[in-house]
C-alpha cells in the first residue's frame, strides 16, 4: 500500500480510485435529479424510511462501476442487498444516498458512502457530498483526506467544550426513551448538539474537526463502514456504546477525539447498564 509523502500529496490506492469513480458517478445521478424531486417515484420502506428511484439508480451506477473493475468482488448495497458471493475476499458496502429524507426536501446534507472490506476488515473508504463536492477518503494505514488535504480530528479535549453530532431513532421499534436519556445527558455536559441527517457525513465531520464527537443510533453497516475508517485514520476513536467493537452490526456508534470519546463513554456507561438491567427483567 502506498504512503503519502507529505500533507499536500495523496497517493491513491487503485481500489480506492475505483471507489471514488463509483461515488462520483452516483453523485452525478443524484445532482441531475435535484431539480425534479417533486416528480420522483418514492416508496416507503417503513415509518420515516423512504427510498426514491434516485437511490436505486445511484446504487446501480455504483455496482456497475465496481464490478466492471473487479468482477470477483461482492457488493452489499442498501437497496440491492448482496450482489456476488457472500464469501468473496473483497466486499464493497454501499449506501448510494445517505440522507434520503434531506435530499427529498432539498436540504443539501446527504452523501454517497462506499467502503471496501478485505477479509472482513475495512480497507478503503469514500464519503462524497455531491452538492459541496467534498470528497472524504481513507485507506487503512495511510490516513484520511478531504480532497487533497490530510485530515486530523480536532484538539478539543473536554466534553464540556465539545460540539457533538447525533442522529435520532425514527423507525418503529427503536428505543426512543433510551435515546432521550442520552440526549439529556450529553446536552447537559457538552458544548452543543447538532443533528444533520447523514451518519456518513457526521462521521466525516468528526474526522475533519468540524464535530468533536458523535453518537448515532439505528444504523446499518452501509451507514457507518466508510465513515468509521475515515474517523480512525484521522486520529479519532470509534466504538459501540459499550466501548466494544460491535458497532458495524449493532446499530450504535460513538466516535470522537480521543479525550472527548473517553468522556462520552463515561457518560454512556451507566445509561447502558440501566438499559441492560431493564432488558433483563
C-alpha atoms as a PDB file:
ATOM      1  CA  UNK A   1       0.000   0.000   0.000  1.00  0.00           C
ATOM      2  CA  UNK A   2       1.264   3.470  -0.842  1.00  0.00           C
ATOM      3  CA  UNK A   3       2.010   6.162   1.691  1.00  0.00           C
ATOM      4  CA  UNK A   4       1.506   9.897   1.136  1.00  0.00           C
ATOM      5  CA  UNK A   5       4.835  11.694   1.125  1.00  0.00           C
ATOM      6  CA  UNK A   6       3.552  14.827   2.841  1.00  0.00           C
ATOM      7  CA  UNK A   7       0.393  16.621   3.868  1.00  0.00           C
ATOM      8  CA  UNK A   8      -0.084  18.074   0.385  1.00  0.00           C
ATOM      9  CA  UNK A   9       0.150  14.861  -1.628  1.00  0.00           C
ATOM     10  CA  UNK A  10      -2.083  11.807  -1.521  1.00  0.00           C
ATOM     11  CA  UNK A  11      -1.117   8.697  -3.451  1.00  0.00           C
ATOM     12  CA  UNK A  12      -4.305   6.739  -4.096  1.00  0.00           C
ATOM     13  CA  UNK A  13      -4.690   3.005  -3.699  1.00  0.00           C
ATOM     14  CA  UNK A  14      -6.038   1.597  -7.004  1.00  0.00           C
ATOM     15  CA  UNK A  15      -9.156   0.178  -5.341  1.00  0.00           C
ATOM     16  CA  UNK A  16      -9.796   3.500  -3.611  1.00  0.00           C
ATOM     17  CA  UNK A  17      -9.644   5.177  -7.013  1.00  0.00           C
ATOM     18  CA  UNK A  18     -12.371   2.851  -8.275  1.00  0.00           C
ATOM     19  CA  UNK A  19     -14.452   3.614  -5.178  1.00  0.00           C
ATOM     20  CA  UNK A  20     -14.071   7.334  -5.883  1.00  0.00           C
ATOM     21  CA  UNK A  21     -15.074   6.815  -9.518  1.00  0.00           C
ATOM     22  CA  UNK A  22     -18.189   4.967  -8.369  1.00  0.00           C
ATOM     23  CA  UNK A  23     -19.068   7.647  -5.812  1.00  0.00           C
ATOM     24  CA  UNK A  24     -18.735  10.438  -8.354  1.00  0.00           C
ATOM     25  CA  UNK A  25     -20.883   8.514 -10.843  1.00  0.00           C
ATOM     26  CA  UNK A  26     -23.584   8.127  -8.202  1.00  0.00           C
ATOM     27  CA  UNK A  27     -23.218  11.794  -7.292  1.00  0.00           C
ATOM     28  CA  UNK A  28     -23.931  12.742 -10.886  1.00  0.00           C
ATOM     29  CA  UNK A  29     -27.141  10.701 -10.799  1.00  0.00           C
ATOM     30  CA  UNK A  30     -28.180  12.457  -7.594  1.00  0.00           C
ATOM     31  CA  UNK A  31     -27.403  16.028  -8.633  1.00  0.00           C
ATOM     32  CA  UNK A  32     -29.130  15.621 -12.005  1.00  0.00           C
ATOM     33  CA  UNK A  33     -32.295  14.765 -10.087  1.00  0.00           C
ATOM     34  CA  UNK A  34     -32.263  17.606  -7.577  1.00  0.00           C
ATOM     35  CA  UNK A  35     -34.436  19.927  -9.642  1.00  0.00           C
ATOM     36  CA  UNK A  36     -37.150  17.324 -10.234  1.00  0.00           C
ATOM     37  CA  UNK A  37     -37.653  15.897  -6.762  1.00  0.00           C
ATOM     38  CA  UNK A  38     -41.392  16.545  -6.958  1.00  0.00           C
ATOM     39  CA  UNK A  39     -41.679  14.146  -9.920  1.00  0.00           C
ATOM     40  CA  UNK A  40     -39.691  11.236  -8.447  1.00  0.00           C
ATOM     41  CA  UNK A  41     -41.192   7.895  -7.552  1.00  0.00           C
ATOM     42  CA  UNK A  42     -40.835   7.479  -3.792  1.00  0.00           C
ATOM     43  CA  UNK A  43     -41.528   4.275  -1.871  1.00  0.00           C
ATOM     44  CA  UNK A  44     -41.858   3.968   1.895  1.00  0.00           C
ATOM     45  CA  UNK A  45     -39.923   1.050   3.392  1.00  0.00           C
ATOM     46  CA  UNK A  46     -41.199   1.832   6.870  1.00  0.00           C
ATOM     47  CA  UNK A  47     -42.166   4.714   9.114  1.00  0.00           C
ATOM     48  CA  UNK A  48     -39.980   7.707   8.177  1.00  0.00           C
ATOM     49  CA  UNK A  49     -37.888   5.427   5.957  1.00  0.00           C
ATOM     50  CA  UNK A  50     -38.036   6.365   2.284  1.00  0.00           C
ATOM     51  CA  UNK A  51     -36.358   5.191  -0.888  1.00  0.00           C
ATOM     52  CA  UNK A  52     -36.557   7.029  -4.188  1.00  0.00           C
ATOM     53  CA  UNK A  53     -35.804   5.996  -7.730  1.00  0.00           C
ATOM     54  CA  UNK A  54     -32.642   8.083  -7.345  1.00  0.00           C
ATOM     55  CA  UNK A  55     -31.370   5.826  -4.525  1.00  0.00           C
ATOM     56  CA  UNK A  56     -31.873   2.817  -6.769  1.00  0.00           C
ATOM     57  CA  UNK A  57     -30.361   4.393  -9.878  1.00  0.00           C
ATOM     58  CA  UNK A  58     -27.334   5.657  -7.940  1.00  0.00           C
ATOM     59  CA  UNK A  59     -26.727   2.225  -6.412  1.00  0.00           C
ATOM     60  CA  UNK A  60     -26.986   0.558  -9.819  1.00  0.00           C
ATOM     61  CA  UNK A  61     -24.383   3.000 -11.139  1.00  0.00           C
ATOM     62  CA  UNK A  62     -22.062   2.224  -8.223  1.00  0.00           C
ATOM     63  CA  UNK A  63     -22.392  -1.541  -8.625  1.00  0.00           C
ATOM     64  CA  UNK A  64     -21.733  -1.315 -12.364  1.00  0.00           C
ATOM     65  CA  UNK A  65     -18.528   0.673 -11.833  1.00  0.00           C
ATOM     66  CA  UNK A  66     -17.239  -1.555  -9.044  1.00  0.00           C
ATOM     67  CA  UNK A  67     -17.939  -4.910 -10.664  1.00  0.00           C
ATOM     68  CA  UNK A  68     -16.698  -3.800 -14.063  1.00  0.00           C
ATOM     69  CA  UNK A  69     -13.325  -3.124 -12.431  1.00  0.00           C
ATOM     70  CA  UNK A  70     -13.406  -6.061 -10.005  1.00  0.00           C
ATOM     71  CA  UNK A  71     -15.845  -8.774 -11.154  1.00  0.00           C
ATOM     72  CA  UNK A  72     -14.705 -11.210  -8.438  1.00  0.00           C
ATOM     73  CA  UNK A  73     -15.680  -8.798  -5.666  1.00  0.00           C
ATOM     74  CA  UNK A  74     -19.100  -8.733  -3.998  1.00  0.00           C
ATOM     75  CA  UNK A  75     -21.240  -5.718  -3.165  1.00  0.00           C
ATOM     76  CA  UNK A  76     -23.602  -5.266  -0.223  1.00  0.00           C
ATOM     77  CA  UNK A  77     -25.936  -2.406  -1.059  1.00  0.00           C
ATOM     78  CA  UNK A  78     -28.718  -0.812   0.944  1.00  0.00           C
ATOM     79  CA  UNK A  79     -31.202  -1.207  -1.899  1.00  0.00           C
ATOM     80  CA  UNK A  80     -29.902  -4.260  -3.784  1.00  0.00           C
ATOM     81  CA  UNK A  81     -28.758  -6.461  -0.930  1.00  0.00           C
ATOM     82  CA  UNK A  82     -25.846  -8.799  -1.651  1.00  0.00           C
ATOM     83  CA  UNK A  83     -24.560  -8.981  -5.209  1.00  0.00           C
ATOM     84  CA  UNK A  84     -21.923 -11.666  -5.720  1.00  0.00           C
ATOM     85  CA  UNK A  85     -20.517 -14.328  -3.445  1.00  0.00           C
ATOM     86  CA  UNK A  86     -21.075 -13.958   0.301  1.00  0.00           C
ATOM     87  CA  UNK A  87     -17.590 -15.357   0.963  1.00  0.00           C
ATOM     88  CA  UNK A  88     -15.756 -13.093  -1.504  1.00  0.00           C
ATOM     89  CA  UNK A  89     -12.342 -11.946  -0.270  1.00  0.00           C
ATOM     90  CA  UNK A  90     -13.281  -8.351  -1.097  1.00  0.00           C
ATOM     91  CA  UNK A  91     -16.704  -6.887  -0.366  1.00  0.00           C
ATOM     92  CA  UNK A  92     -17.910  -3.352  -1.035  1.00  0.00           C
ATOM     93  CA  UNK A  93     -20.504  -1.880   1.341  1.00  0.00           C
ATOM     94  CA  UNK A  94     -22.597   0.798  -0.322  1.00  0.00           C
ATOM     95  CA  UNK A  95     -25.111   3.435   0.703  1.00  0.00           C
ATOM     96  CA  UNK A  96     -25.948   5.257  -2.537  1.00  0.00           C
ATOM     97  CA  UNK A  97     -27.758   8.136  -0.829  1.00  0.00           C
ATOM     98  CA  UNK A  98     -27.228   8.523   2.905  1.00  0.00           C
ATOM     99  CA  UNK A  99     -29.722  11.187   3.875  1.00  0.00           C
ATOM    100  CA  UNK A 100     -32.600  10.424   1.501  1.00  0.00           C
ATOM    101  CA  UNK A 101     -35.089  12.470   3.539  1.00  0.00           C
ATOM    102  CA  UNK A 102     -32.781  15.510   3.317  1.00  0.00           C
ATOM    103  CA  UNK A 103     -32.468  15.003  -0.437  1.00  0.00           C
ATOM    104  CA  UNK A 104     -36.230  14.765  -0.900  1.00  0.00           C
ATOM    105  CA  UNK A 105     -36.671  18.084   0.925  1.00  0.00           C
ATOM    106  CA  UNK A 106     -33.882  19.881  -0.894  1.00  0.00           C
ATOM    107  CA  UNK A 107     -31.766  20.039   2.260  1.00  0.00           C
ATOM    108  CA  UNK A 108     -28.169  19.812   0.951  1.00  0.00           C
ATOM    109  CA  UNK A 109     -26.728  17.407   3.529  1.00  0.00           C
ATOM    110  CA  UNK A 110     -26.532  13.928   2.046  1.00  0.00           C
ATOM    111  CA  UNK A 111     -23.799  11.694   0.736  1.00  0.00           C
ATOM    112  CA  UNK A 112     -22.642   8.654  -1.141  1.00  0.00           C
ATOM    113  CA  UNK A 113     -20.902   6.196   1.193  1.00  0.00           C
ATOM    114  CA  UNK A 114     -18.697   3.371  -0.102  1.00  0.00           C
ATOM    115  CA  UNK A 115     -16.394   1.116   1.923  1.00  0.00           C
ATOM    116  CA  UNK A 116     -14.275  -1.855   0.856  1.00  0.00           C
ATOM    117  CA  UNK A 117     -13.757  -4.778   3.189  1.00  0.00           C
ATOM    118  CA  UNK A 118     -10.795  -7.107   2.691  1.00  0.00           C
ATOM    119  CA  UNK A 119     -11.289 -10.339   4.590  1.00  0.00           C
ATOM    120  CA  UNK A 120     -13.989  -8.585   6.652  1.00  0.00           C
ATOM    121  CA  UNK A 121     -11.712  -5.692   7.630  1.00  0.00           C
ATOM    122  CA  UNK A 122     -12.388  -2.175   6.340  1.00  0.00           C
ATOM    123  CA  UNK A 123      -9.590  -1.308   3.940  1.00  0.00           C
ATOM    124  CA  UNK A 124     -10.794   1.652   1.841  1.00  0.00           C
ATOM    125  CA  UNK A 125     -13.444   4.323   2.384  1.00  0.00           C
ATOM    126  CA  UNK A 126     -15.168   7.062   0.409  1.00  0.00           C
ATOM    127  CA  UNK A 127     -17.799   9.545   1.605  1.00  0.00           C
ATOM    128  CA  UNK A 128     -18.830  12.047  -1.058  1.00  0.00           C
ATOM    129  CA  UNK A 129     -21.124  15.065  -0.762  1.00  0.00           C
ATOM    130  CA  UNK A 130     -22.225  15.694  -4.361  1.00  0.00           C
ATOM    131  CA  UNK A 131     -23.569  19.171  -3.551  1.00  0.00           C
ATOM    132  CA  UNK A 132     -20.405  20.600  -1.991  1.00  0.00           C
ATOM    133  CA  UNK A 133     -18.205  18.150  -3.945  1.00  0.00           C
ATOM    134  CA  UNK A 134     -16.320  17.391  -0.758  1.00  0.00           C
ATOM    135  CA  UNK A 135     -14.656  14.015  -1.089  1.00  0.00           C
ATOM    136  CA  UNK A 136     -13.618  12.298   2.146  1.00  0.00           C
ATOM    137  CA  UNK A 137     -11.375   9.255   1.713  1.00  0.00           C
ATOM    138  CA  UNK A 138      -9.236   6.887   3.730  1.00  0.00           C
ATOM    139  CA  UNK A 139      -7.016   3.871   3.166  1.00  0.00           C
ATOM    140  CA  UNK A 140      -6.167   1.675   6.123  1.00  0.00           C
ATOM    141  CA  UNK A 141      -2.792   2.771   7.453  1.00  0.00           C
ATOM    142  CA  UNK A 142      -2.480   5.718   5.056  1.00  0.00           C
ATOM    143  CA  UNK A 143      -4.528   8.404   6.791  1.00  0.00           C
ATOM    144  CA  UNK A 144      -7.731  10.263   5.959  1.00  0.00           C
ATOM    145  CA  UNK A 145      -8.198  13.036   3.442  1.00  0.00           C
ATOM    146  CA  UNK A 146     -10.640  15.721   2.359  1.00  0.00           C
ATOM    147  CA  UNK A 147      -9.978  16.236  -1.340  1.00  0.00           C
ATOM    148  CA  UNK A 148      -6.185  16.775  -1.244  1.00  0.00           C
ATOM    149  CA  UNK A 149      -5.949  17.876   2.401  1.00  0.00           C
ATOM    150  CA  UNK A 150      -4.929  15.456   5.124  1.00  0.00           C
ATOM    151  CA  UNK A 151      -7.450  15.244   7.969  1.00  0.00           C
ATOM    152  CA  UNK A 152      -6.962  15.238  11.729  1.00  0.00           C
ATOM    153  CA  UNK A 153      -9.623  15.287  14.412  1.00  0.00           C
ATOM    154  CA  UNK A 154      -9.903  18.449  16.477  1.00  0.00           C
ATOM    155  CA  UNK A 155      -7.755  19.153  19.521  1.00  0.00           C
ATOM    156  CA  UNK A 156     -10.811  19.507  21.766  1.00  0.00           C
ATOM    157  CA  UNK A 157     -10.041  17.589  24.945  1.00  0.00           C
ATOM    158  CA  UNK A 158     -13.054  18.240  27.185  1.00  0.00           C
ATOM    159  CA  UNK A 159     -16.639  17.215  26.680  1.00  0.00           C
ATOM    160  CA  UNK A 160     -17.906  20.472  28.144  1.00  0.00           C
ATOM    161  CA  UNK A 161     -16.307  22.320  25.200  1.00  0.00           C
ATOM    162  CA  UNK A 162     -17.234  19.773  22.550  1.00  0.00           C
ATOM    163  CA  UNK A 163     -19.690  20.196  19.706  1.00  0.00           C
ATOM    164  CA  UNK A 164     -21.441  16.848  19.240  1.00  0.00           C
ATOM    165  CA  UNK A 165     -23.436  15.368  16.405  1.00  0.00           C
ATOM    166  CA  UNK A 166     -26.224  12.833  16.734  1.00  0.00           C
ATOM    167  CA  UNK A 167     -28.980  11.016  14.868  1.00  0.00           C
ATOM    168  CA  UNK A 168     -32.497  10.434  16.159  1.00  0.00           C
ATOM    169  CA  UNK A 169     -34.077   6.973  16.230  1.00  0.00           C
ATOM    170  CA  UNK A 170     -37.033   7.419  13.903  1.00  0.00           C
ATOM    171  CA  UNK A 171     -38.069   3.910  12.875  1.00  0.00           C
ATOM    172  CA  UNK A 172     -40.726   1.798  14.537  1.00  0.00           C
ATOM    173  CA  UNK A 173     -39.323  -0.384  17.303  1.00  0.00           C
ATOM    174  CA  UNK A 174     -36.275   1.718  18.069  1.00  0.00           C
ATOM    175  CA  UNK A 175     -35.713   2.714  21.689  1.00  0.00           C
ATOM    176  CA  UNK A 176     -36.635   6.394  21.728  1.00  0.00           C
ATOM    177  CA  UNK A 177     -36.801   6.511  25.548  1.00  0.00           C
ATOM    178  CA  UNK A 178     -33.190   5.379  25.871  1.00  0.00           C
ATOM    179  CA  UNK A 179     -32.084   7.844  23.216  1.00  0.00           C
ATOM    180  CA  UNK A 180     -33.833  10.704  25.006  1.00  0.00           C
ATOM    181  CA  UNK A 181     -31.881   9.869  28.169  1.00  0.00           C
ATOM    182  CA  UNK A 182     -28.608  10.038  26.237  1.00  0.00           C
ATOM    183  CA  UNK A 183     -29.660  13.323  24.628  1.00  0.00           C
ATOM    184  CA  UNK A 184     -30.442  14.887  28.007  1.00  0.00           C
ATOM    185  CA  UNK A 185     -27.087  13.847  29.497  1.00  0.00           C
ATOM    186  CA  UNK A 186     -24.998  14.990  26.528  1.00  0.00           C
ATOM    187  CA  UNK A 187     -26.945  18.246  26.259  1.00  0.00           C
ATOM    188  CA  UNK A 188     -26.164  18.989  29.907  1.00  0.00           C
ATOM    189  CA  UNK A 189     -22.475  18.048  29.654  1.00  0.00           C
ATOM    190  CA  UNK A 190     -21.367  19.191  26.183  1.00  0.00           C
ATOM    191  CA  UNK A 191     -20.851  22.490  24.397  1.00  0.00           C
ATOM    192  CA  UNK A 192     -23.677  21.878  21.928  1.00  0.00           C
ATOM    193  CA  UNK A 193     -25.587  19.295  19.868  1.00  0.00           C
ATOM    194  CA  UNK A 194     -26.290  19.146  16.127  1.00  0.00           C
ATOM    195  CA  UNK A 195     -28.462  16.716  14.148  1.00  0.00           C
ATOM    196  CA  UNK A 196     -27.989  16.988  10.386  1.00  0.00           C
ATOM    197  CA  UNK A 197     -29.302  13.726   8.914  1.00  0.00           C
ATOM    198  CA  UNK A 198     -26.423  11.800   7.297  1.00  0.00           C
ATOM    199  CA  UNK A 199     -24.444   9.462   9.536  1.00  0.00           C
ATOM    200  CA  UNK A 200     -21.660   9.113   6.967  1.00  0.00           C
ATOM    201  CA  UNK A 201     -21.172  12.884   6.774  1.00  0.00           C
ATOM    202  CA  UNK A 202     -21.411  13.205  10.564  1.00  0.00           C
ATOM    203  CA  UNK A 203     -18.504  10.790  10.954  1.00  0.00           C
ATOM    204  CA  UNK A 204     -16.567  12.598   8.227  1.00  0.00           C
ATOM    205  CA  UNK A 205     -17.190  15.834  10.140  1.00  0.00           C
ATOM    206  CA  UNK A 206     -15.512  14.326  13.205  1.00  0.00           C
ATOM    207  CA  UNK A 207     -12.510  13.400  11.069  1.00  0.00           C
ATOM    208  CA  UNK A 208     -12.386  16.948   9.689  1.00  0.00           C
ATOM    209  CA  UNK A 209     -12.589  18.546  13.154  1.00  0.00           C
ATOM    210  CA  UNK A 210     -15.975  20.125  12.486  1.00  0.00           C
ATOM    211  CA  UNK A 211     -17.546  17.992  15.201  1.00  0.00           C
ATOM    212  CA  UNK A 212     -15.680  16.792  18.273  1.00  0.00           C
ATOM    213  CA  UNK A 213     -17.811  13.686  18.780  1.00  0.00           C
ATOM    214  CA  UNK A 214     -20.948  11.884  17.679  1.00  0.00           C
ATOM    215  CA  UNK A 215     -23.329   9.261  18.994  1.00  0.00           C
ATOM    216  CA  UNK A 216     -25.569   7.615  16.433  1.00  0.00           C
ATOM    217  CA  UNK A 217     -28.315   5.011  16.678  1.00  0.00           C
ATOM    218  CA  UNK A 218     -30.476   2.873  14.401  1.00  0.00           C
ATOM    219  CA  UNK A 219     -27.696   2.287  11.886  1.00  0.00           C
ATOM    220  CA  UNK A 220     -26.783  -0.368   9.350  1.00  0.00           C
ATOM    221  CA  UNK A 221     -23.317  -1.337   8.142  1.00  0.00           C
ATOM    222  CA  UNK A 222     -23.630   0.789   4.982  1.00  0.00           C
ATOM    223  CA  UNK A 223     -24.346   3.879   7.112  1.00  0.00           C
ATOM    224  CA  UNK A 224     -21.098   3.727   9.053  1.00  0.00           C
ATOM    225  CA  UNK A 225     -18.475   1.467   7.437  1.00  0.00           C
ATOM    226  CA  UNK A 226     -16.797   4.169   5.356  1.00  0.00           C
ATOM    227  CA  UNK A 227     -17.096   6.909   7.973  1.00  0.00           C
ATOM    228  CA  UNK A 228     -15.627   4.685  10.662  1.00  0.00           C
ATOM    229  CA  UNK A 229     -12.371   4.160   8.788  1.00  0.00           C
ATOM    230  CA  UNK A 230     -12.151   7.866   7.975  1.00  0.00           C
ATOM    231  CA  UNK A 231     -12.526   8.765  11.677  1.00  0.00           C
ATOM    232  CA  UNK A 232      -9.915   6.266  12.816  1.00  0.00           C
ATOM    233  CA  UNK A 233      -7.434   7.247  10.108  1.00  0.00           C
ATOM    234  CA  UNK A 234      -7.837  10.888  11.183  1.00  0.00           C
ATOM    235  CA  UNK A 235      -6.789  10.001  14.729  1.00  0.00           C
ATOM    236  CA  UNK A 236     -10.236   9.599  16.273  1.00  0.00           C
ATOM    237  CA  UNK A 237     -11.676   6.731  18.276  1.00  0.00           C
ATOM    238  CA  UNK A 238     -14.842   4.814  17.457  1.00  0.00           C
ATOM    239  CA  UNK A 239     -16.723   2.091  19.318  1.00  0.00           C
ATOM    240  CA  UNK A 240     -20.187   0.867  20.140  1.00  0.00           C
ATOM    241  CA  UNK A 241     -21.929   2.378  23.158  1.00  0.00           C
ATOM    242  CA  UNK A 242     -20.346  -0.177  25.495  1.00  0.00           C
ATOM    243  CA  UNK A 243     -16.840   0.628  24.277  1.00  0.00           C
ATOM    244  CA  UNK A 244     -16.668  -2.574  22.225  1.00  0.00           C
ATOM    245  CA  UNK A 245     -16.381  -3.307  18.527  1.00  0.00           C
ATOM    246  CA  UNK A 246     -19.929  -4.393  17.689  1.00  0.00           C
ATOM    247  CA  UNK A 247     -20.690  -1.084  16.027  1.00  0.00           C
ATOM    248  CA  UNK A 248     -20.857  -2.444  12.470  1.00  0.00           C
ATOM    249  CA  UNK A 249     -23.720  -4.827  13.230  1.00  0.00           C
ATOM    250  CA  UNK A 250     -25.069  -3.420  16.487  1.00  0.00           C
ATOM    251  CA  UNK A 251     -26.519  -0.216  15.069  1.00  0.00           C
ATOM    252  CA  UNK A 252     -24.957   2.111  17.672  1.00  0.00           C
ATOM    253  CA  UNK A 253     -21.776   4.157  17.196  1.00  0.00           C
ATOM    254  CA  UNK A 254     -19.893   6.566  19.430  1.00  0.00           C
ATOM    255  CA  UNK A 255     -16.888   8.405  17.969  1.00  0.00           C
ATOM    256  CA  UNK A 256     -14.776  11.426  18.736  1.00  0.00           C
ATOM    257  CA  UNK A 257     -11.419  12.893  19.557  1.00  0.00           C
ATOM    258  CA  UNK A 258      -9.587  10.588  21.978  1.00  0.00           C
ATOM    259  CA  UNK A 259     -10.376  12.549  25.131  1.00  0.00           C
ATOM    260  CA  UNK A 260     -13.919  13.526  24.141  1.00  0.00           C
ATOM    261  CA  UNK A 261     -14.586   9.917  23.148  1.00  0.00           C
ATOM    262  CA  UNK A 262     -13.422   8.781  26.593  1.00  0.00           C
ATOM    263  CA  UNK A 263     -15.692  11.251  28.397  1.00  0.00           C
ATOM    264  CA  UNK A 264     -18.632  10.356  26.183  1.00  0.00           C
ATOM    265  CA  UNK A 265     -18.162   6.682  27.030  1.00  0.00           C
ATOM    266  CA  UNK A 266     -18.080   7.509  30.743  1.00  0.00           C
ATOM    267  CA  UNK A 267     -21.429   9.269  30.372  1.00  0.00           C
ATOM    268  CA  UNK A 268     -22.842   6.378  28.357  1.00  0.00           C
ATOM    269  CA  UNK A 269     -21.778   3.512  30.638  1.00  0.00           C
ATOM    270  CA  UNK A 270     -24.387   3.942  33.394  1.00  0.00           C
ATOM    271  CA  UNK A 271     -27.090   4.533  30.776  1.00  0.00           C
ATOM    272  CA  UNK A 272     -26.184   1.271  29.038  1.00  0.00           C
ATOM    273  CA  UNK A 273     -26.068  -0.546  32.394  1.00  0.00           C
ATOM    274  CA  UNK A 274     -29.550   0.740  33.219  1.00  0.00           C
ATOM    275  CA  UNK A 275     -30.868  -0.297  29.814  1.00  0.00           C
ATOM    276  CA  UNK A 276     -29.363  -3.761  30.176  1.00  0.00           C
ATOM    277  CA  UNK A 277     -30.894  -4.120  33.637  1.00  0.00           C
ATOM    278  CA  UNK A 278     -34.347  -3.199  32.323  1.00  0.00           C
ATOM    279  CA  UNK A 279     -33.972  -5.616  29.403  1.00  0.00           C
ATOM    280  CA  UNK A 280     -33.100  -8.447  31.765  1.00  0.00           C
ATOM    281  CA  UNK A 281     -36.305  -8.095  33.764  1.00  0.00           C
END
